[in-house]
Amino acid sequence: CDLAQAVNNLCPSQRNHIDADVSLWYQAFQPSMYHPAVQQAFGGVVRRIGTGPWGAGAWWGDSQVEFLVTWLATSLLEGAPSMDYYVYDHFCENPANQCLLLAAADCRACIARGQVGYPGSVDPSRCGERDLREVAALFAG
């Protein structure tokens, strides 16, 4: 899979590790994964988790899949911490790839801002009709 395919989330290898990624995220934030002496404190302190393109940066991961991974793994955590997901148009390792989490016009505008001076090329035709907020709303409740 070459760089042009990777920045456009077109590589099967970008999706062959979903179970492992859910497990890694879960293990990092699940209080019971820590020593019993710190579990209660950890669970009491971690109420919100802020993240961005986890898994989609230096390894040219699929930002759409990795958003779903972090969302799913966070929903499995004891104590139900909330997740704040941040989309960057100028993310240094994989610029504009996260724009694919936005819908149509917002996605295209984000791509235009995010690729200034970068040799990679996220194709605006890869923008979808729904953004991450709309997808999350479909599963609310």
N, C-alpha and C. Protein backbone atom coordinates (compact mmCIF):
# COMPACT_ATOMS: atom_id res chain seq x y z
N CYS A 1 0.85 -1.17 0.00
CA CYS A 1 0.00 0.00 0.00
C CYS A 1 0.90 1.24 0.00
N ASP A 2 0.72 2.09 -0.98
CA ASP A 2 1.58 3.27 -1.07
C ASP A 2 0.99 4.44 -0.28
N LEU A 3 1.74 5.52 -0.18
CA LEU A 3 1.34 6.68 0.61
C LEU A 3 0.02 7.28 0.12
N ALA A 4 -0.16 7.39 -1.18
CA ALA A 4 -1.40 7.96 -1.72
C ALA A 4 -2.62 7.16 -1.29
N GLN A 5 -2.50 5.84 -1.25
CA GLN A 5 -3.61 5.01 -0.79
C GLN A 5 -3.80 5.13 0.73
N ALA A 6 -2.69 5.16 1.47
CA ALA A 6 -2.77 5.23 2.93
C ALA A 6 -3.42 6.52 3.41
N VAL A 7 -3.06 7.67 2.84
CA VAL A 7 -3.65 8.93 3.31
C VAL A 7 -5.13 9.03 2.97
N ASN A 8 -5.60 8.19 2.08
CA ASN A 8 -7.02 8.18 1.71
C ASN A 8 -7.78 6.99 2.30
N ASN A 9 -7.15 6.30 3.28
CA ASN A 9 -7.78 5.18 3.99
C ASN A 9 -8.20 4.06 3.05
N LEU A 10 -7.34 3.73 2.09
CA LEU A 10 -7.68 2.72 1.09
C LEU A 10 -6.90 1.41 1.24
N CYS A 11 -6.24 1.22 2.37
CA CYS A 11 -5.41 0.03 2.55
C CYS A 11 -6.07 -0.98 3.49
N PRO A 12 -6.26 -2.20 3.04
CA PRO A 12 -6.83 -3.22 3.93
C PRO A 12 -6.03 -3.37 5.23
N SER A 13 -4.71 -3.18 5.15
CA SER A 13 -3.87 -3.33 6.34
C SER A 13 -4.20 -2.29 7.42
N GLN A 14 -4.87 -1.20 7.04
CA GLN A 14 -5.25 -0.19 8.02
C GLN A 14 -6.41 -0.67 8.90
N ARG A 15 -7.02 -1.78 8.54
CA ARG A 15 -8.18 -2.26 9.27
C ARG A 15 -8.00 -3.68 9.83
N ASN A 16 -6.80 -4.23 9.74
CA ASN A 16 -6.57 -5.60 10.17
C ASN A 16 -6.20 -5.74 11.64
N HIS A 17 -6.34 -4.70 12.42
CA HIS A 17 -5.91 -4.75 13.82
C HIS A 17 -6.92 -4.08 14.76
N ILE A 18 -8.17 -4.09 14.37
CA ILE A 18 -9.21 -3.42 15.15
C ILE A 18 -9.33 -4.04 16.55
N ASP A 19 -9.38 -5.36 16.64
CA ASP A 19 -9.49 -6.00 17.96
C ASP A 19 -8.31 -5.63 18.86
N ALA A 20 -7.11 -5.66 18.30
CA ALA A 20 -5.92 -5.32 19.09
C ALA A 20 -5.96 -3.87 19.54
N ASP A 21 -6.42 -2.97 18.67
CA ASP A 21 -6.48 -1.56 19.04
C ASP A 21 -7.54 -1.30 20.11
N VAL A 22 -8.70 -1.95 20.01
CA VAL A 22 -9.72 -1.81 21.06
C VAL A 22 -9.12 -2.30 22.39
N SER A 23 -8.42 -3.41 22.34
CA SER A 23 -7.81 -3.96 23.55
C SER A 23 -6.77 -3.01 24.14
N LEU A 24 -5.92 -2.42 23.31
CA LEU A 24 -4.90 -1.49 23.80
C LEU A 24 -5.53 -0.27 24.48
N TRP A 25 -6.56 0.29 23.83
CA TRP A 25 -7.24 1.46 24.40
C TRP A 25 -7.90 1.09 25.73
N TYR A 26 -8.61 -0.03 25.74
CA TYR A 26 -9.31 -0.50 26.94
C TYR A 26 -8.31 -0.70 28.09
N GLN A 27 -7.21 -1.36 27.80
CA GLN A 27 -6.21 -1.63 28.84
C GLN A 27 -5.60 -0.36 29.40
N ALA A 28 -5.49 0.67 28.58
CA ALA A 28 -4.90 1.93 29.06
C ALA A 28 -5.82 2.68 30.01
N PHE A 29 -7.14 2.54 29.85
CA PHE A 29 -8.07 3.35 30.63
C PHE A 29 -8.98 2.58 31.57
N GLN A 30 -8.96 1.28 31.58
CA GLN A 30 -9.80 0.48 32.46
C GLN A 30 -9.15 0.37 33.84
N PRO A 31 -9.79 0.88 34.88
CA PRO A 31 -9.18 0.85 36.22
C PRO A 31 -8.74 -0.54 36.67
N SER A 32 -9.51 -1.57 36.35
CA SER A 32 -9.18 -2.92 36.82
C SER A 32 -7.90 -3.48 36.18
N MET A 33 -7.38 -2.80 35.19
CA MET A 33 -6.14 -3.25 34.55
C MET A 33 -4.90 -2.79 35.34
N TYR A 34 -5.12 -1.97 36.36
CA TYR A 34 -4.03 -1.44 37.16
C TYR A 34 -3.93 -2.16 38.50
N HIS A 35 -2.87 -1.93 39.21
CA HIS A 35 -2.65 -2.54 40.52
C HIS A 35 -3.83 -2.18 41.43
N PRO A 36 -4.30 -3.14 42.24
CA PRO A 36 -5.44 -2.88 43.11
C PRO A 36 -5.29 -1.64 44.00
N ALA A 37 -4.08 -1.30 44.35
CA ALA A 37 -3.85 -0.14 45.23
C ALA A 37 -4.22 1.19 44.56
N VAL A 38 -4.25 1.23 43.24
CA VAL A 38 -4.54 2.50 42.57
C VAL A 38 -5.85 2.47 41.77
N GLN A 39 -6.53 1.35 41.73
CA GLN A 39 -7.74 1.23 40.91
C GLN A 39 -8.81 2.24 41.28
N GLN A 40 -9.10 2.39 42.57
CA GLN A 40 -10.15 3.32 42.99
C GLN A 40 -9.77 4.76 42.65
N ALA A 41 -8.52 5.12 42.89
CA ALA A 41 -8.07 6.48 42.56
C ALA A 41 -8.12 6.72 41.06
N PHE A 42 -7.65 5.76 40.30
CA PHE A 42 -7.65 5.90 38.84
C PHE A 42 -9.08 6.08 38.33
N GLY A 43 -9.99 5.23 38.81
CA GLY A 43 -11.38 5.32 38.39
C GLY A 43 -12.04 6.63 38.79
N GLY A 44 -11.61 7.19 39.92
CA GLY A 44 -12.18 8.45 40.38
C GLY A 44 -11.64 9.67 39.67
N VAL A 45 -10.44 9.56 39.17
CA VAL A 45 -9.79 10.69 38.51
C VAL A 45 -10.13 10.76 37.02
N VAL A 46 -10.13 9.63 36.35
CA VAL A 46 -10.36 9.61 34.90
C VAL A 46 -11.87 9.61 34.62
N ARG A 47 -12.40 10.79 34.38
CA ARG A 47 -13.83 10.95 34.08
C ARG A 47 -14.05 11.31 32.61
N ARG A 48 -13.04 11.91 32.00
CA ARG A 48 -13.10 12.29 30.59
C ARG A 48 -11.78 11.89 29.94
N ILE A 49 -11.87 11.47 28.71
CA ILE A 49 -10.68 11.10 27.95
C ILE A 49 -10.65 11.98 26.70
N GLY A 50 -9.61 12.75 26.55
CA GLY A 50 -9.44 13.59 25.37
C GLY A 50 -8.44 12.94 24.42
N THR A 51 -8.80 12.88 23.18
CA THR A 51 -7.90 12.27 22.20
C THR A 51 -8.14 12.89 20.83
N GLY A 52 -7.26 12.58 19.95
CA GLY A 52 -7.37 13.00 18.56
C GLY A 52 -7.11 11.78 17.69
N PRO A 53 -6.20 11.90 16.77
CA PRO A 53 -6.00 10.84 15.77
C PRO A 53 -5.20 9.64 16.28
N TRP A 54 -5.58 9.12 17.44
CA TRP A 54 -4.89 7.95 17.99
C TRP A 54 -4.94 6.82 16.96
N GLY A 55 -3.78 6.27 16.63
CA GLY A 55 -3.72 5.16 15.68
C GLY A 55 -3.73 5.58 14.21
N ALA A 56 -3.88 6.87 13.94
CA ALA A 56 -3.98 7.32 12.55
C ALA A 56 -2.89 8.31 12.18
N GLY A 57 -1.88 8.42 12.99
CA GLY A 57 -0.83 9.40 12.73
C GLY A 57 0.40 8.79 12.09
N ALA A 58 1.40 8.52 12.90
CA ALA A 58 2.70 8.06 12.41
C ALA A 58 2.62 6.74 11.64
N TRP A 59 1.58 5.95 11.89
CA TRP A 59 1.46 4.66 11.21
C TRP A 59 0.52 4.72 10.02
N TRP A 60 0.10 5.90 9.64
CA TRP A 60 -0.80 6.10 8.51
C TRP A 60 -2.07 5.27 8.66
N GLY A 61 -2.61 5.26 9.86
CA GLY A 61 -3.84 4.51 10.11
C GLY A 61 -5.05 5.20 9.51
N ASP A 62 -6.15 4.49 9.50
CA ASP A 62 -7.41 4.98 8.97
C ASP A 62 -8.11 5.77 10.08
N SER A 63 -8.20 7.07 9.95
CA SER A 63 -8.77 7.91 11.00
C SER A 63 -10.23 7.58 11.28
N GLN A 64 -10.95 7.14 10.28
CA GLN A 64 -12.36 6.77 10.47
C GLN A 64 -12.48 5.51 11.33
N VAL A 65 -11.68 4.52 11.03
CA VAL A 65 -11.69 3.29 11.81
C VAL A 65 -11.20 3.55 13.23
N GLU A 66 -10.12 4.31 13.36
CA GLU A 66 -9.56 4.56 14.69
C GLU A 66 -10.49 5.39 15.56
N PHE A 67 -11.30 6.29 14.96
CA PHE A 67 -12.32 6.97 15.74
C PHE A 67 -13.30 5.95 16.31
N LEU A 68 -13.75 5.02 15.46
CA LEU A 68 -14.69 3.99 15.92
C LEU A 68 -14.06 3.11 17.00
N VAL A 69 -12.77 2.80 16.86
CA VAL A 69 -12.06 2.00 17.86
C VAL A 69 -12.07 2.70 19.21
N THR A 70 -11.69 3.98 19.24
CA THR A 70 -11.63 4.68 20.53
C THR A 70 -13.02 4.88 21.12
N TRP A 71 -14.00 5.12 20.28
CA TRP A 71 -15.38 5.29 20.75
C TRP A 71 -15.91 3.99 21.34
N LEU A 72 -15.72 2.87 20.65
CA LEU A 72 -16.16 1.58 21.14
C LEU A 72 -15.44 1.22 22.44
N ALA A 73 -14.13 1.32 22.45
CA ALA A 73 -13.37 0.93 23.63
C ALA A 73 -13.73 1.81 24.83
N THR A 74 -13.96 3.09 24.61
CA THR A 74 -14.35 3.98 25.71
C THR A 74 -15.71 3.58 26.26
N SER A 75 -16.62 3.17 25.39
CA SER A 75 -17.96 2.79 25.84
C SER A 75 -17.94 1.51 26.68
N LEU A 76 -16.88 0.73 26.58
CA LEU A 76 -16.76 -0.51 27.35
C LEU A 76 -16.16 -0.29 28.74
N LEU A 77 -15.63 0.89 29.00
CA LEU A 77 -14.92 1.15 30.25
C LEU A 77 -15.85 1.25 31.45
N GLU A 78 -15.38 0.72 32.55
CA GLU A 78 -16.09 0.81 33.83
C GLU A 78 -16.19 2.28 34.24
N GLY A 79 -17.34 2.68 34.73
CA GLY A 79 -17.52 4.06 35.15
C GLY A 79 -17.95 4.99 34.04
N ALA A 80 -17.99 4.51 32.82
CA ALA A 80 -18.46 5.26 31.66
C ALA A 80 -17.89 6.67 31.53
N PRO A 81 -16.54 6.79 31.44
CA PRO A 81 -16.00 8.13 31.20
C PRO A 81 -16.42 8.64 29.82
N SER A 82 -16.50 9.94 29.67
CA SER A 82 -16.86 10.49 28.36
C SER A 82 -15.59 10.66 27.54
N MET A 83 -15.77 10.72 26.23
CA MET A 83 -14.63 10.90 25.33
C MET A 83 -14.80 12.20 24.57
N ASP A 84 -13.76 13.02 24.61
CA ASP A 84 -13.71 14.25 23.82
C ASP A 84 -12.76 13.97 22.66
N TYR A 85 -13.28 13.99 21.45
CA TYR A 85 -12.47 13.67 20.27
C TYR A 85 -12.17 14.95 19.51
N TYR A 86 -10.91 15.20 19.25
CA TYR A 86 -10.47 16.43 18.59
C TYR A 86 -10.00 16.13 17.17
N VAL A 87 -10.54 16.87 16.21
CA VAL A 87 -10.16 16.72 14.81
C VAL A 87 -9.20 17.85 14.45
N TYR A 88 -8.05 17.47 13.90
CA TYR A 88 -7.03 18.44 13.51
C TYR A 88 -6.88 18.45 11.99
N ASP A 89 -6.91 19.62 11.39
CA ASP A 89 -6.66 19.66 9.95
C ASP A 89 -5.17 19.76 9.63
N HIS A 90 -4.35 20.13 10.61
CA HIS A 90 -2.91 20.27 10.40
C HIS A 90 -2.12 19.26 11.23
N PHE A 91 -2.66 18.08 11.45
CA PHE A 91 -1.96 17.07 12.22
C PHE A 91 -0.65 16.74 11.52
N CYS A 92 0.45 16.75 12.23
CA CYS A 92 1.77 16.69 11.60
C CYS A 92 2.08 15.40 10.86
N GLU A 93 1.68 14.24 11.35
CA GLU A 93 2.10 12.99 10.72
C GLU A 93 1.21 12.54 9.57
N ASN A 94 -0.02 12.96 9.55
CA ASN A 94 -0.95 12.49 8.53
C ASN A 94 -1.93 13.63 8.23
N PRO A 95 -1.42 14.75 7.72
CA PRO A 95 -2.25 15.94 7.56
C PRO A 95 -3.51 15.71 6.74
N ALA A 96 -4.58 16.27 7.22
CA ALA A 96 -5.88 16.27 6.54
C ALA A 96 -6.60 14.93 6.57
N ASN A 97 -5.96 13.85 7.00
CA ASN A 97 -6.64 12.55 7.03
C ASN A 97 -7.83 12.58 7.96
N GLN A 98 -7.71 13.27 9.08
CA GLN A 98 -8.82 13.35 10.02
C GLN A 98 -10.00 14.13 9.45
N CYS A 99 -9.77 14.92 8.43
CA CYS A 99 -10.86 15.66 7.80
C CYS A 99 -11.93 14.70 7.28
N LEU A 100 -11.55 13.45 7.00
CA LEU A 100 -12.49 12.47 6.50
C LEU A 100 -13.54 12.09 7.55
N LEU A 101 -13.38 12.58 8.78
CA LEU A 101 -14.39 12.39 9.82
C LEU A 101 -15.49 13.43 9.74
N LEU A 102 -15.31 14.42 8.90
CA LEU A 102 -16.29 15.48 8.73
C LEU A 102 -17.12 15.22 7.48
N ALA A 103 -18.27 15.87 7.39
CA ALA A 103 -19.16 15.65 6.26
C ALA A 103 -18.91 16.66 5.14
N ALA A 104 -19.04 16.19 3.94
CA ALA A 104 -19.10 16.94 2.69
C ALA A 104 -18.30 18.25 2.67
N ALA A 105 -18.99 19.39 2.73
CA ALA A 105 -18.33 20.70 2.58
C ALA A 105 -17.32 20.95 3.69
N ASP A 106 -17.64 20.57 4.93
CA ASP A 106 -16.69 20.75 6.03
C ASP A 106 -15.44 19.91 5.80
N CYS A 107 -15.60 18.72 5.31
CA CYS A 107 -14.48 17.83 5.00
C CYS A 107 -13.59 18.43 3.92
N ARG A 108 -14.20 18.89 2.84
CA ARG A 108 -13.42 19.47 1.73
C ARG A 108 -12.66 20.72 2.17
N ALA A 109 -13.30 21.57 2.98
CA ALA A 109 -12.64 22.79 3.47
C ALA A 109 -11.48 22.43 4.40
N CYS A 110 -11.68 21.44 5.24
CA CYS A 110 -10.64 20.98 6.15
C CYS A 110 -9.43 20.43 5.37
N ILE A 111 -9.70 19.65 4.33
CA ILE A 111 -8.62 19.11 3.49
C ILE A 111 -7.83 20.25 2.85
N ALA A 112 -8.52 21.24 2.34
CA ALA A 112 -7.84 22.37 1.70
C ALA A 112 -6.92 23.10 2.68
N ARG A 113 -7.37 23.26 3.93
CA ARG A 113 -6.54 23.92 4.95
C ARG A 113 -5.39 23.04 5.41
N GLY A 114 -5.63 21.75 5.51
CA GLY A 114 -4.68 20.85 6.14
C GLY A 114 -3.53 20.38 5.29
N GLN A 115 -3.60 20.53 4.00
CA GLN A 115 -2.54 20.00 3.14
C GLN A 115 -1.59 21.05 2.62
N VAL A 116 -1.69 22.25 3.10
CA VAL A 116 -0.80 23.32 2.64
C VAL A 116 0.65 22.94 2.94
N GLY A 117 1.47 22.87 1.91
CA GLY A 117 2.89 22.56 2.07
C GLY A 117 3.20 21.10 2.34
N TYR A 118 2.25 20.21 2.15
CA TYR A 118 2.47 18.79 2.40
C TYR A 118 2.39 18.01 1.10
N PRO A 119 3.33 17.09 0.87
CA PRO A 119 3.33 16.37 -0.41
C PRO A 119 2.24 15.31 -0.55
N GLY A 120 1.67 14.83 0.57
CA GLY A 120 0.60 13.82 0.51
C GLY A 120 -0.66 14.47 -0.02
N SER A 121 -1.63 13.67 -0.39
CA SER A 121 -2.82 14.25 -0.97
C SER A 121 -4.07 13.45 -0.58
N VAL A 122 -4.85 14.02 0.36
CA VAL A 122 -6.14 13.41 0.68
C VAL A 122 -7.12 13.88 -0.39
N ASP A 123 -7.77 12.95 -1.02
CA ASP A 123 -8.68 13.24 -2.12
C ASP A 123 -10.03 13.70 -1.57
N PRO A 124 -10.46 14.94 -1.86
CA PRO A 124 -11.74 15.43 -1.36
C PRO A 124 -12.95 14.59 -1.79
N SER A 125 -12.82 13.82 -2.86
CA SER A 125 -13.94 12.97 -3.27
C SER A 125 -14.17 11.84 -2.27
N ARG A 126 -13.23 11.62 -1.34
CA ARG A 126 -13.38 10.59 -0.31
C ARG A 126 -14.25 11.07 0.85
N CYS A 127 -14.62 12.35 0.85
CA CYS A 127 -15.47 12.90 1.92
C CYS A 127 -16.85 12.24 1.87
N GLY A 128 -17.36 11.90 3.04
CA GLY A 128 -18.68 11.27 3.12
C GLY A 128 -19.78 12.29 3.33
N GLU A 129 -20.98 11.80 3.45
CA GLU A 129 -22.14 12.66 3.63
C GLU A 129 -22.42 12.96 5.10
N ARG A 130 -21.96 12.10 6.01
CA ARG A 130 -22.21 12.28 7.43
C ARG A 130 -20.90 12.45 8.17
N ASP A 131 -20.95 13.19 9.27
CA ASP A 131 -19.74 13.37 10.06
C ASP A 131 -19.81 12.53 11.34
N LEU A 132 -18.74 12.56 12.14
CA LEU A 132 -18.68 11.72 13.32
C LEU A 132 -19.79 12.03 14.32
N ARG A 133 -20.23 13.28 14.41
CA ARG A 133 -21.34 13.62 15.33
C ARG A 133 -22.64 12.97 14.87
N GLU A 134 -22.89 12.97 13.57
CA GLU A 134 -24.13 12.36 13.05
C GLU A 134 -24.11 10.85 13.25
N VAL A 135 -22.95 10.23 13.04
CA VAL A 135 -22.84 8.78 13.23
C VAL A 135 -23.07 8.45 14.70
N ALA A 136 -22.43 9.20 15.60
CA ALA A 136 -22.62 8.96 17.04
C ALA A 136 -24.08 9.13 17.43
N ALA A 137 -24.75 10.12 16.88
CA ALA A 137 -26.16 10.37 17.22
C ALA A 137 -27.06 9.20 16.82
N LEU A 138 -26.68 8.48 15.77
CA LEU A 138 -27.47 7.31 15.35
C LEU A 138 -27.50 6.23 16.41
N PHE A 139 -26.49 6.22 17.29
CA PHE A 139 -26.38 5.18 18.31
C PHE A 139 -26.70 5.70 19.71
N ALA A 140 -27.07 6.94 19.84
CA ALA A 140 -27.36 7.52 21.15
C ALA A 140 -28.62 6.92 21.74
N GLY A 141 -28.59 6.79 23.06
CA GLY A 141 -29.80 6.36 23.76
C GLY A 141 -29.86 4.92 23.95
